[in-house]
Amino acid sequence: MVTDLGEIKPIKPVQVERHQAPAKEIILNGQDINVLDFPFLQSNPGDNGRFINTGNLVLIDPEKGRNVGTYRMQKFKGGPER
């Protein structure tokens, strides 16, 4: 916790039992995974939709090899479900 003049006072963690935890881990595999289930934000007032602002893509081309990049991706209505 930050107090006067930027001094930092640590907050001790509180351990809870797994069944009492406020958040639960949900594991999805195979056909249960749908990227469109993630929350997409409209973070800029001028945007015309919702975006993943810093998504990392790994693309493989059989002739040119691999490309890895960080791209801004927009979610559109309609289109394929998966």
PDB file of N, CA and C in Angstrom:
ATOM      1  N   MET A   1       0.847  -1.166   0.000  1.00  0.00           N
ATOM      2  CA  MET A   1       0.000   0.000   0.000  1.00  0.00           C
ATOM      3  C   MET A   1       0.895   1.233   0.000  1.00  0.00           C
ATOM      4  N   VAL A   2       0.597   2.208  -0.822  1.00  0.00           N
ATOM      5  CA  VAL A   2       1.386   3.435  -0.886  1.00  0.00           C
ATOM      6  C   VAL A   2       0.838   4.417   0.137  1.00  0.00           C
ATOM      7  N   THR A   3       1.741   5.010   0.902  1.00  0.00           N
ATOM      8  CA  THR A   3       1.345   6.002   1.910  1.00  0.00           C
ATOM      9  C   THR A   3       2.033   7.319   1.595  1.00  0.00           C
ATOM     10  N   ASP A   4       2.226   8.148   2.600  1.00  0.00           N
ATOM     11  CA  ASP A   4       2.836   9.472   2.422  1.00  0.00           C
ATOM     12  C   ASP A   4       4.193   9.391   1.745  1.00  0.00           C
ATOM     13  N   LEU A   5       4.463  10.335   0.871  1.00  0.00           N
ATOM     14  CA  LEU A   5       5.751  10.509   0.212  1.00  0.00           C
ATOM     15  C   LEU A   5       6.235   9.272  -0.546  1.00  0.00           C
ATOM     16  N   GLY A   6       5.322   8.470  -1.015  1.00  0.00           N
ATOM     17  CA  GLY A   6       5.679   7.325  -1.836  1.00  0.00           C
ATOM     18  C   GLY A   6       6.253   6.151  -1.078  1.00  0.00           C
ATOM     19  N   GLU A   7       6.201   6.186   0.248  1.00  0.00           N
ATOM     20  CA  GLU A   7       6.702   5.062   1.031  1.00  0.00           C
ATOM     21  C   GLU A   7       5.795   3.859   0.801  1.00  0.00           C
ATOM     22  N   ILE A   8       6.394   2.707   0.612  1.00  0.00           N
ATOM     23  CA  ILE A   8       5.617   1.499   0.346  1.00  0.00           C
ATOM     24  C   ILE A   8       5.584   0.632   1.595  1.00  0.00           C
ATOM     25  N   LYS A   9       4.392   0.297   2.014  1.00  0.00           N
ATOM     26  CA  LYS A   9       4.216  -0.591   3.161  1.00  0.00           C
ATOM     27  C   LYS A   9       3.611  -1.887   2.625  1.00  0.00           C
ATOM     28  N   PRO A  10       4.319  -2.993   2.768  1.00  0.00           N
ATOM     29  CA  PRO A  10       3.804  -4.254   2.223  1.00  0.00           C
ATOM     30  C   PRO A  10       2.529  -4.716   2.918  1.00  0.00           C
ATOM     31  N   ILE A  11       1.679  -5.363   2.149  1.00  0.00           N
ATOM     32  CA  ILE A  11       0.452  -5.957   2.676  1.00  0.00           C
ATOM     33  C   ILE A  11       0.676  -7.462   2.712  1.00  0.00           C
ATOM     34  N   LYS A  12       0.497  -8.054   3.869  1.00  0.00           N
ATOM     35  CA  LYS A  12       0.709  -9.494   4.001  1.00  0.00           C
ATOM     36  C   LYS A  12      -0.411 -10.257   3.296  1.00  0.00           C
ATOM     37  N   PRO A  13      -0.065 -11.344   2.597  1.00  0.00           N
ATOM     38  CA  PRO A  13      -1.099 -12.139   1.922  1.00  0.00           C
ATOM     39  C   PRO A  13      -1.953 -12.899   2.932  1.00  0.00           C
ATOM     40  N   VAL A  14      -3.181 -13.146   2.532  1.00  0.00           N
ATOM     41  CA  VAL A  14      -4.097 -13.942   3.345  1.00  0.00           C
ATOM     42  C   VAL A  14      -4.344 -15.239   2.585  1.00  0.00           C
ATOM     43  N   GLN A  15      -4.003 -16.365   3.194  1.00  0.00           N
ATOM     44  CA  GLN A  15      -4.222 -17.647   2.539  1.00  0.00           C
ATOM     45  C   GLN A  15      -5.645 -18.128   2.806  1.00  0.00           C
ATOM     46  N   VAL A  16      -6.268 -18.657   1.756  1.00  0.00           N
ATOM     47  CA  VAL A  16      -7.609 -19.225   1.882  1.00  0.00           C
ATOM     48  C   VAL A  16      -7.583 -20.636   1.304  1.00  0.00           C
ATOM     49  N   GLU A  17      -8.503 -21.445   1.736  1.00  0.00           N
ATOM     50  CA  GLU A  17      -8.626 -22.793   1.188  1.00  0.00           C
ATOM     51  C   GLU A  17      -9.119 -22.706  -0.251  1.00  0.00           C
ATOM     52  N   ARG A  18      -8.737 -23.681  -1.059  1.00  0.00           N
ATOM     53  CA  ARG A  18      -9.099 -23.669  -2.479  1.00  0.00           C
ATOM     54  C   ARG A  18     -10.603 -23.510  -2.689  1.00  0.00           C
ATOM     55  N   HIS A  19     -11.411 -24.229  -1.916  1.00  0.00           N
ATOM     56  CA  HIS A  19     -12.866 -24.180  -2.113  1.00  0.00           C
ATOM     57  C   HIS A  19     -13.465 -22.843  -1.669  1.00  0.00           C
ATOM     58  N   GLN A  20     -12.714 -22.025  -0.925  1.00  0.00           N
ATOM     59  CA  GLN A  20     -13.205 -20.721  -0.482  1.00  0.00           C
ATOM     60  C   GLN A  20     -12.671 -19.570  -1.337  1.00  0.00           C
ATOM     61  N   ALA A  21     -11.827 -19.877  -2.303  1.00  0.00           N
ATOM     62  CA  ALA A  21     -11.204 -18.831  -3.114  1.00  0.00           C
ATOM     63  C   ALA A  21     -12.257 -18.088  -3.931  1.00  0.00           C
ATOM     64  N   PRO A  22     -12.111 -16.750  -4.074  1.00  0.00           N
ATOM     65  CA  PRO A  22     -13.095 -15.974  -4.828  1.00  0.00           C
ATOM     66  C   PRO A  22     -13.027 -16.211  -6.337  1.00  0.00           C
ATOM     67  N   ALA A  23     -11.902 -16.700  -6.839  1.00  0.00           N
ATOM     68  CA  ALA A  23     -11.767 -16.985  -8.265  1.00  0.00           C
ATOM     69  C   ALA A  23     -11.378 -18.446  -8.434  1.00  0.00           C
ATOM     70  N   LYS A  24     -11.874 -19.056  -9.474  1.00  0.00           N
ATOM     71  CA  LYS A  24     -11.600 -20.470  -9.735  1.00  0.00           C
ATOM     72  C   LYS A  24     -10.929 -20.613 -11.101  1.00  0.00           C
ATOM     73  N   GLU A  25     -10.032 -21.577 -11.203  1.00  0.00           N
ATOM     74  CA  GLU A  25      -9.396 -21.873 -12.478  1.00  0.00           C
ATOM     75  C   GLU A  25     -10.341 -22.732 -13.309  1.00  0.00           C
ATOM     76  N   ILE A  26     -10.559 -22.313 -14.551  1.00  0.00           N
ATOM     77  CA  ILE A  26     -11.396 -23.074 -15.475  1.00  0.00           C
ATOM     78  C   ILE A  26     -10.498 -23.515 -16.629  1.00  0.00           C
ATOM     79  N   ILE A  27     -10.403 -24.805 -16.849  1.00  0.00           N
ATOM     80  CA  ILE A  27      -9.541 -25.347 -17.894  1.00  0.00           C
ATOM     81  C   ILE A  27     -10.414 -25.822 -19.050  1.00  0.00           C
ATOM     82  N   LEU A  28     -10.138 -25.293 -20.245  1.00  0.00           N
ATOM     83  CA  LEU A  28     -10.850 -25.696 -21.455  1.00  0.00           C
ATOM     84  C   LEU A  28      -9.865 -26.379 -22.390  1.00  0.00           C
ATOM     85  N   ASN A  29     -10.313 -27.424 -23.057  1.00  0.00           N
ATOM     86  CA  ASN A  29      -9.478 -28.165 -23.998  1.00  0.00           C
ATOM     87  C   ASN A  29     -10.250 -28.429 -25.285  1.00  0.00           C
ATOM     88  N   GLY A  30      -9.502 -28.594 -26.376  1.00  0.00           N
ATOM     89  CA  GLY A  30     -10.082 -29.026 -27.644  1.00  0.00           C
ATOM     90  C   GLY A  30     -11.226 -28.156 -28.128  1.00  0.00           C
ATOM     91  N   GLN A  31     -12.353 -28.781 -28.446  1.00  0.00           N
ATOM     92  CA  GLN A  31     -13.504 -28.080 -29.010  1.00  0.00           C
ATOM     93  C   GLN A  31     -14.205 -27.161 -28.012  1.00  0.00           C
ATOM     94  N   ASP A  32     -13.853 -27.255 -26.731  1.00  0.00           N
ATOM     95  CA  ASP A  32     -14.452 -26.364 -25.736  1.00  0.00           C
ATOM     96  C   ASP A  32     -13.866 -24.956 -25.804  1.00  0.00           C
ATOM     97  N   ILE A  33     -12.729 -24.784 -26.494  1.00  0.00           N
ATOM     98  CA  ILE A  33     -12.059 -23.489 -26.576  1.00  0.00           C
ATOM     99  C   ILE A  33     -12.704 -22.653 -27.674  1.00  0.00           C
ATOM    100  N   ASN A  34     -13.072 -21.420 -27.338  1.00  0.00           N
ATOM    101  CA  ASN A  34     -13.609 -20.473 -28.313  1.00  0.00           C
ATOM    102  C   ASN A  34     -13.034 -19.104 -27.980  1.00  0.00           C
ATOM    103  N   VAL A  35     -12.151 -18.602 -28.832  1.00  0.00           N
ATOM    104  CA  VAL A  35     -11.484 -17.327 -28.564  1.00  0.00           C
ATOM    105  C   VAL A  35     -12.490 -16.177 -28.438  1.00  0.00           C
ATOM    106  N   LEU A  36     -13.666 -16.319 -29.051  1.00  0.00           N
ATOM    107  CA  LEU A  36     -14.666 -15.254 -28.981  1.00  0.00           C
ATOM    108  C   LEU A  36     -15.331 -15.170 -27.611  1.00  0.00           C
ATOM    109  N   ASP A  37     -15.065 -16.135 -26.724  1.00  0.00           N
ATOM    110  CA  ASP A  37     -15.590 -16.072 -25.359  1.00  0.00           C
ATOM    111  C   ASP A  37     -14.810 -15.095 -24.483  1.00  0.00           C
ATOM    112  N   PHE A  38     -13.611 -14.691 -24.908  1.00  0.00           N
ATOM    113  CA  PHE A  38     -12.818 -13.743 -24.133  1.00  0.00           C
ATOM    114  C   PHE A  38     -13.431 -12.345 -24.233  1.00  0.00           C
ATOM    115  N   PRO A  39     -13.276 -11.525 -23.195  1.00  0.00           N
ATOM    116  CA  PRO A  39     -13.805 -10.160 -23.271  1.00  0.00           C
ATOM    117  C   PRO A  39     -12.937  -9.311 -24.204  1.00  0.00           C
ATOM    118  N   PHE A  40     -13.550  -8.686 -25.171  1.00  0.00           N
ATOM    119  CA  PHE A  40     -12.865  -7.781 -26.087  1.00  0.00           C
ATOM    120  C   PHE A  40     -13.252  -6.364 -25.687  1.00  0.00           C
ATOM    121  N   LEU A  41     -12.274  -5.469 -25.575  1.00  0.00           N
ATOM    122  CA  LEU A  41     -12.524  -4.118 -25.088  1.00  0.00           C
ATOM    123  C   LEU A  41     -12.602  -3.112 -26.219  1.00  0.00           C
ATOM    124  N   GLN A  42     -13.398  -2.082 -26.002  1.00  0.00           N
ATOM    125  CA  GLN A  42     -13.349  -0.905 -26.860  1.00  0.00           C
ATOM    126  C   GLN A  42     -12.641   0.146 -26.030  1.00  0.00           C
ATOM    127  N   SER A  43     -11.322   0.245 -26.204  1.00  0.00           N
ATOM    128  CA  SER A  43     -10.510   1.050 -25.301  1.00  0.00           C
ATOM    129  C   SER A  43     -10.277   2.475 -25.772  1.00  0.00           C
ATOM    130  N   ASN A  44     -10.530   2.768 -27.037  1.00  0.00           N
ATOM    131  CA  ASN A  44     -10.333   4.120 -27.554  1.00  0.00           C
ATOM    132  C   ASN A  44     -11.662   4.666 -28.060  1.00  0.00           C
ATOM    133  N   PRO A  45     -11.994   5.911 -27.726  1.00  0.00           N
ATOM    134  CA  PRO A  45     -13.291   6.470 -28.132  1.00  0.00           C
ATOM    135  C   PRO A  45     -13.518   6.450 -29.644  1.00  0.00           C
ATOM    136  N   GLY A  46     -12.458   6.538 -30.439  1.00  0.00           N
ATOM    137  CA  GLY A  46     -12.604   6.563 -31.892  1.00  0.00           C
ATOM    138  C   GLY A  46     -12.675   5.193 -32.545  1.00  0.00           C
ATOM    139  N   ASP A  47     -12.520   4.131 -31.777  1.00  0.00           N
ATOM    140  CA  ASP A  47     -12.574   2.785 -32.347  1.00  0.00           C
ATOM    141  C   ASP A  47     -13.981   2.464 -32.825  1.00  0.00           C
ATOM    142  N   ASN A  48     -14.068   1.717 -33.911  1.00  0.00           N
ATOM    143  CA  ASN A  48     -15.382   1.330 -34.420  1.00  0.00           C
ATOM    144  C   ASN A  48     -15.738  -0.093 -34.021  1.00  0.00           C
ATOM    145  N   GLY A  49     -15.144  -0.574 -32.950  1.00  0.00           N
ATOM    146  CA  GLY A  49     -15.457  -1.915 -32.478  1.00  0.00           C
ATOM    147  C   GLY A  49     -14.573  -2.297 -31.315  1.00  0.00           C
ATOM    148  N   ARG A  50     -14.547  -3.589 -31.050  1.00  0.00           N
ATOM    149  CA  ARG A  50     -13.764  -4.117 -29.926  1.00  0.00           C
ATOM    150  C   ARG A  50     -12.502  -4.791 -30.456  1.00  0.00           C
ATOM    151  N   PHE A  51     -11.394  -4.647 -29.712  1.00  0.00           N
ATOM    152  CA  PHE A  51     -10.090  -5.092 -30.186  1.00  0.00           C
ATOM    153  C   PHE A  51      -9.338  -5.896 -29.139  1.00  0.00           C
ATOM    154  N   ILE A  52      -8.441  -6.757 -29.620  1.00  0.00           N
ATOM    155  CA  ILE A  52      -7.328  -7.261 -28.831  1.00  0.00           C
ATOM    156  C   ILE A  52      -6.180  -6.337 -29.222  1.00  0.00           C
ATOM    157  N   ASN A  53      -5.708  -5.525 -28.282  1.00  0.00           N
ATOM    158  CA  ASN A  53      -4.760  -4.472 -28.630  1.00  0.00           C
ATOM    159  C   ASN A  53      -3.330  -4.946 -28.846  1.00  0.00           C
ATOM    160  N   THR A  54      -2.888  -5.981 -28.170  1.00  0.00           N
ATOM    161  CA  THR A  54      -1.517  -6.460 -28.358  1.00  0.00           C
ATOM    162  C   THR A  54      -1.500  -7.982 -28.446  1.00  0.00           C
ATOM    163  N   GLY A  55      -2.213  -8.493 -29.425  1.00  0.00           N
ATOM    164  CA  GLY A  55      -2.252  -9.941 -29.608  1.00  0.00           C
ATOM    165  C   GLY A  55      -1.005 -10.438 -30.321  1.00  0.00           C
ATOM    166  N   ASN A  56      -0.470 -11.548 -29.887  1.00  0.00           N
ATOM    167  CA  ASN A  56       0.700 -12.156 -30.534  1.00  0.00           C
ATOM    168  C   ASN A  56       0.239 -13.290 -31.441  1.00  0.00           C
ATOM    169  N   LEU A  57       0.643 -13.224 -32.685  1.00  0.00           N
ATOM    170  CA  LEU A  57       0.272 -14.248 -33.662  1.00  0.00           C
ATOM    171  C   LEU A  57       1.510 -14.976 -34.156  1.00  0.00           C
ATOM    172  N   VAL A  58       1.382 -16.280 -34.307  1.00  0.00           N
ATOM    173  CA  VAL A  58       2.422 -17.094 -34.932  1.00  0.00           C
ATOM    174  C   VAL A  58       1.808 -17.645 -36.209  1.00  0.00           C
ATOM    175  N   LEU A  59       2.333 -17.219 -37.343  1.00  0.00           N
ATOM    176  CA  LEU A  59       1.805 -17.621 -38.647  1.00  0.00           C
ATOM    177  C   LEU A  59       2.845 -18.475 -39.357  1.00  0.00           C
ATOM    178  N   ILE A  60       2.381 -19.537 -40.004  1.00  0.00           N
ATOM    179  CA  ILE A  60       3.300 -20.423 -40.716  1.00  0.00           C
ATOM    180  C   ILE A  60       2.888 -20.498 -42.180  1.00  0.00           C
ATOM    181  N   ASP A  61       3.818 -20.169 -43.052  1.00  0.00           N
ATOM    182  CA  ASP A  61       3.617 -20.243 -44.490  1.00  0.00           C
ATOM    183  C   ASP A  61       4.471 -21.392 -45.009  1.00  0.00           C
ATOM    184  N   PRO A  62       3.881 -22.324 -45.775  1.00  0.00           N
ATOM    185  CA  PRO A  62       4.654 -23.480 -46.239  1.00  0.00           C
ATOM    186  C   PRO A  62       5.843 -23.105 -47.122  1.00  0.00           C
ATOM    187  N   GLU A  63       5.793 -21.956 -47.790  1.00  0.00           N
ATOM    188  CA  GLU A  63       6.879 -21.557 -48.684  1.00  0.00           C
ATOM    189  C   GLU A  63       7.872 -20.606 -48.023  1.00  0.00           C
ATOM    190  N   LYS A  64       7.377 -19.667 -47.217  1.00  0.00           N
ATOM    191  CA  LYS A  64       8.244 -18.622 -46.665  1.00  0.00           C
ATOM    192  C   LYS A  64       8.642 -18.850 -45.213  1.00  0.00           C
ATOM    193  N   GLY A  65       8.062 -19.836 -44.563  1.00  0.00           N
ATOM    194  CA  GLY A  65       8.439 -20.123 -43.180  1.00  0.00           C
ATOM    195  C   GLY A  65       7.500 -19.504 -42.164  1.00  0.00           C
ATOM    196  N   ARG A  66       8.072 -19.041 -41.069  1.00  0.00           N
ATOM    197  CA  ARG A  66       7.279 -18.596 -39.933  1.00  0.00           C
ATOM    198  C   ARG A  66       7.377 -17.083 -39.761  1.00  0.00           C
ATOM    199  N   ASN A  67       6.294 -16.479 -39.276  1.00  0.00           N
ATOM    200  CA  ASN A  67       6.268 -15.069 -38.922  1.00  0.00           C
ATOM    201  C   ASN A  67       5.629 -14.953 -37.543  1.00  0.00           C
ATOM    202  N   VAL A  68       6.299 -14.250 -36.646  1.00  0.00           N
ATOM    203  CA  VAL A  68       5.761 -14.000 -35.316  1.00  0.00           C
ATOM    204  C   VAL A  68       5.669 -12.497 -35.161  1.00  0.00           C
ATOM    205  N   GLY A  69       4.500 -12.003 -34.762  1.00  0.00           N
ATOM    206  CA  GLY A  69       4.341 -10.565 -34.612  1.00  0.00           C
ATOM    207  C   GLY A  69       3.263 -10.204 -33.620  1.00  0.00           C
ATOM    208  N   THR A  70       3.293  -8.948 -33.202  1.00  0.00           N
ATOM    209  CA  THR A  70       2.277  -8.402 -32.311  1.00  0.00           C
ATOM    210  C   THR A  70       1.372  -7.518 -33.151  1.00  0.00           C
ATOM    211  N   TYR A  71       0.093  -7.837 -33.152  1.00  0.00           N
ATOM    212  CA  TYR A  71      -0.854  -7.140 -34.009  1.00  0.00           C
ATOM    213  C   TYR A  71      -2.077  -6.711 -33.212  1.00  0.00           C
ATOM    214  N   ARG A  72      -2.700  -5.634 -33.646  1.00  0.00           N
ATOM    215  CA  ARG A  72      -3.973  -5.205 -33.086  1.00  0.00           C
ATOM    216  C   ARG A  72      -5.057  -5.868 -33.930  1.00  0.00           C
ATOM    217  N   MET A  73      -5.958  -6.613 -33.268  1.00  0.00           N
ATOM    218  CA  MET A  73      -6.958  -7.388 -34.002  1.00  0.00           C
ATOM    219  C   MET A  73      -8.359  -6.986 -33.560  1.00  0.00           C
ATOM    220  N   GLN A  74      -9.231  -6.754 -34.530  1.00  0.00           N
ATOM    221  CA  GLN A  74     -10.606  -6.357 -34.227  1.00  0.00           C
ATOM    222  C   GLN A  74     -11.532  -7.559 -34.274  1.00  0.00           C
ATOM    223  N   LYS A  75     -12.477  -7.589 -33.338  1.00  0.00           N
ATOM    224  CA  LYS A  75     -13.512  -8.624 -33.332  1.00  0.00           C
ATOM    225  C   LYS A  75     -14.693  -8.102 -34.145  1.00  0.00           C
ATOM    226  N   PHE A  76     -15.106  -8.876 -35.142  1.00  0.00           N
ATOM    227  CA  PHE A  76     -16.252  -8.520 -35.966  1.00  0.00           C
ATOM    228  C   PHE A  76     -17.445  -9.377 -35.584  1.00  0.00           C
ATOM    229  N   LYS A  77     -18.629  -8.835 -35.754  1.00  0.00           N
ATOM    230  CA  LYS A  77     -19.840  -9.640 -35.564  1.00  0.00           C
ATOM    231  C   LYS A  77     -19.978 -10.564 -36.759  1.00  0.00           C
ATOM    232  N   GLY A  78     -20.583 -11.717 -36.524  1.00  0.00           N
ATOM    233  CA  GLY A  78     -20.768 -12.670 -37.610  1.00  0.00           C
ATOM    234  C   GLY A  78     -19.494 -13.439 -37.865  1.00  0.00           C
ATOM    235  N   GLY A  79     -19.396 -14.079 -39.013  1.00  0.00           N
ATOM    236  CA  GLY A  79     -18.213 -14.853 -39.338  1.00  0.00           C
ATOM    237  C   GLY A  79     -18.220 -16.197 -38.653  1.00  0.00           C
ATOM    238  N   PRO A  80     -17.129 -16.929 -38.797  1.00  0.00           N
ATOM    239  CA  PRO A  80     -17.075 -18.262 -38.193  1.00  0.00           C
ATOM    240  C   PRO A  80     -17.103 -18.194 -36.678  1.00  0.00           C
ATOM    241  N   GLU A  81     -17.696 -19.188 -36.070  1.00  0.00           N
ATOM    242  CA  GLU A  81     -17.797 -19.241 -34.611  1.00  0.00           C
ATOM    243  C   GLU A  81     -16.473 -19.615 -33.979  1.00  0.00           C
ATOM    244  N   ARG A  82     -15.633 -20.345 -34.673  1.00  0.00           N
ATOM    245  CA  ARG A  82     -14.340 -20.772 -34.108  1.00  0.00           C
ATOM    246  C   ARG A  82     -13.230 -20.398 -35.044  1.00  0.00           C
TER     247      ARG A  82
END
